[in-house]
Amino acid sequence: MSNKERRLTCIVCPKGCDLLVEFDEAGEIKNITGHTCPRGKNYAYAECTAPVRTVTTTVRCDDGAVVAVKTSAPIPKSMVF
């Protein structure tokens, strides 16, 4: 695999298609292959251009209790630390 391609496993449906995203010299997406449905192609495009994640964690309250929390919507991956 060269630095002008990226391999992904689609997580949108249970099929788990092996995706290959190819980039041109400018770093723009040239081709996406391996998807068996449009959702896989859309996932690969989004993951390579603006990846997002849903964050789940726990937070300790002032009274010492621990509660589970989750973002209400996916956030940019660059904001997850």
C-alpha atoms as a PDB file:
ATOM      1  CA  MET A   1       0.000   0.000   0.000  1.00  0.00           C
ATOM      2  CA  SER A   2       1.464   3.345  -1.009  1.00  0.00           C
ATOM      3  CA  ASN A   3       0.999   6.681   0.742  1.00  0.00           C
ATOM      4  CA  LYS A   4      -1.482   7.503  -2.021  1.00  0.00           C
ATOM      5  CA  GLU A   5      -4.023   4.958  -0.811  1.00  0.00           C
ATOM      6  CA  ARG A   6      -5.768   4.055   2.396  1.00  0.00           C
ATOM      7  CA  ARG A   7      -7.465   0.794   3.371  1.00  0.00           C
ATOM      8  CA  LEU A   8     -10.568   0.865   5.588  1.00  0.00           C
ATOM      9  CA  THR A   9     -13.107  -1.625   6.856  1.00  0.00           C
ATOM     10  CA  CYS A  10     -16.632  -0.295   6.505  1.00  0.00           C
ATOM     11  CA  ILE A  11     -18.501  -0.141   9.825  1.00  0.00           C
ATOM     12  CA  VAL A  12     -21.876   1.009   8.494  1.00  0.00           C
ATOM     13  CA  CYS A  13     -23.432  -2.445   8.077  1.00  0.00           C
ATOM     14  CA  PRO A  14     -22.568  -6.012   9.162  1.00  0.00           C
ATOM     15  CA  LYS A  15     -20.906  -6.887   5.827  1.00  0.00           C
ATOM     16  CA  GLY A  16     -17.673  -5.107   6.825  1.00  0.00           C
ATOM     17  CA  CYS A  17     -16.512  -4.435   3.259  1.00  0.00           C
ATOM     18  CA  ASP A  18     -12.782  -3.932   2.691  1.00  0.00           C
ATOM     19  CA  LEU A  19     -12.510  -0.469   1.152  1.00  0.00           C
ATOM     20  CA  LEU A  20      -9.622   1.027  -0.772  1.00  0.00           C
ATOM     21  CA  VAL A  21      -9.416   4.808  -1.153  1.00  0.00           C
ATOM     22  CA  GLU A  22      -6.955   6.086  -3.752  1.00  0.00           C
ATOM     23  CA  PHE A  23      -5.650   9.667  -3.751  1.00  0.00           C
ATOM     24  CA  ASP A  24      -4.225  11.798  -6.553  1.00  0.00           C
ATOM     25  CA  GLU A  25      -1.001  13.801  -6.342  1.00  0.00           C
ATOM     26  CA  ALA A  26      -2.813  16.710  -4.667  1.00  0.00           C
ATOM     27  CA  GLY A  27      -4.179  14.444  -1.940  1.00  0.00           C
ATOM     28  CA  GLU A  28      -7.742  14.513  -3.257  1.00  0.00           C
ATOM     29  CA  ILE A  29      -9.790  11.314  -3.426  1.00  0.00           C
ATOM     30  CA  LYS A  30      -9.462   9.800  -6.882  1.00  0.00           C
ATOM     31  CA  ASN A  31     -11.303   6.493  -6.466  1.00  0.00           C
ATOM     32  CA  ILE A  32     -13.087   4.404  -3.824  1.00  0.00           C
ATOM     33  CA  THR A  33     -13.440   0.648  -4.390  1.00  0.00           C
ATOM     34  CA  GLY A  34     -14.545  -2.409  -2.450  1.00  0.00           C
ATOM     35  CA  HIS A  35     -17.951  -1.170  -1.328  1.00  0.00           C
ATOM     36  CA  THR A  36     -21.022  -3.266  -2.057  1.00  0.00           C
ATOM     37  CA  CYS A  37     -23.509  -0.470  -1.316  1.00  0.00           C
ATOM     38  CA  PRO A  38     -23.564   3.347  -1.496  1.00  0.00           C
ATOM     39  CA  ARG A  39     -23.257   3.591   2.300  1.00  0.00           C
ATOM     40  CA  GLY A  40     -19.755   2.108   2.140  1.00  0.00           C
ATOM     41  CA  LYS A  41     -18.632   4.653  -0.411  1.00  0.00           C
ATOM     42  CA  ASN A  42     -20.104   7.489   1.665  1.00  0.00           C
ATOM     43  CA  TYR A  43     -18.404   6.151   4.822  1.00  0.00           C
ATOM     44  CA  ALA A  44     -14.995   5.965   3.104  1.00  0.00           C
ATOM     45  CA  TYR A  45     -15.345   9.485   1.706  1.00  0.00           C
ATOM     46  CA  ALA A  46     -16.335  10.946   5.093  1.00  0.00           C
ATOM     47  CA  GLU A  47     -13.629   9.029   6.974  1.00  0.00           C
ATOM     48  CA  CYS A  48     -10.927  10.371   4.641  1.00  0.00           C
ATOM     49  CA  THR A  49     -12.155  13.968   4.446  1.00  0.00           C
ATOM     50  CA  ALA A  50     -13.778  14.811   7.803  1.00  0.00           C
ATOM     51  CA  PRO A  51     -13.744  11.887  10.259  1.00  0.00           C
ATOM     52  CA  VAL A  52     -16.128  12.085  13.230  1.00  0.00           C
ATOM     53  CA  ARG A  53     -16.554  10.014  16.384  1.00  0.00           C
ATOM     54  CA  THR A  54     -19.203   9.513  19.047  1.00  0.00           C
ATOM     55  CA  VAL A  55     -17.529   9.683  22.449  1.00  0.00           C
ATOM     56  CA  THR A  56     -18.689   7.646  25.434  1.00  0.00           C
ATOM     57  CA  THR A  57     -17.021   7.856  28.827  1.00  0.00           C
ATOM     58  CA  THR A  58     -17.720   8.214  32.535  1.00  0.00           C
ATOM     59  CA  VAL A  59     -17.686  11.346  34.675  1.00  0.00           C
ATOM     60  CA  ARG A  60     -17.346  11.600  38.437  1.00  0.00           C
ATOM     61  CA  CYS A  61     -19.969  13.852  40.028  1.00  0.00           C
ATOM     62  CA  ASP A  62     -19.425  16.188  42.983  1.00  0.00           C
ATOM     63  CA  ASP A  63     -21.073  13.652  45.311  1.00  0.00           C
ATOM     64  CA  GLY A  64     -18.605  10.946  44.218  1.00  0.00           C
ATOM     65  CA  ALA A  65     -21.011   9.019  41.997  1.00  0.00           C
ATOM     66  CA  VAL A  66     -19.892   8.004  38.514  1.00  0.00           C
ATOM     67  CA  VAL A  67     -22.273   8.410  35.576  1.00  0.00           C
ATOM     68  CA  ALA A  68     -21.994   7.313  31.946  1.00  0.00           C
ATOM     69  CA  VAL A  69     -22.047  10.099  29.355  1.00  0.00           C
ATOM     70  CA  LYS A  70     -22.166  10.162  25.564  1.00  0.00           C
ATOM     71  CA  THR A  71     -21.931  12.992  23.060  1.00  0.00           C
ATOM     72  CA  SER A  72     -25.336  13.894  21.638  1.00  0.00           C
ATOM     73  CA  ALA A  73     -23.905  13.898  18.112  1.00  0.00           C
ATOM     74  CA  PRO A  74     -20.642  12.824  16.484  1.00  0.00           C
ATOM     75  CA  ILE A  75     -17.821  15.326  16.901  1.00  0.00           C
ATOM     76  CA  PRO A  76     -14.715  15.910  14.727  1.00  0.00           C
ATOM     77  CA  LYS A  77     -12.056  13.291  15.447  1.00  0.00           C
ATOM     78  CA  SER A  78      -9.492  16.078  15.937  1.00  0.00           C
ATOM     79  CA  MET A  79     -11.425  17.198  19.071  1.00  0.00           C
ATOM     80  CA  VAL A  80     -11.189  13.769  20.745  1.00  0.00           C
ATOM     81  CA  PHE A  81      -8.229  13.565  23.093  1.00  0.00           C
END
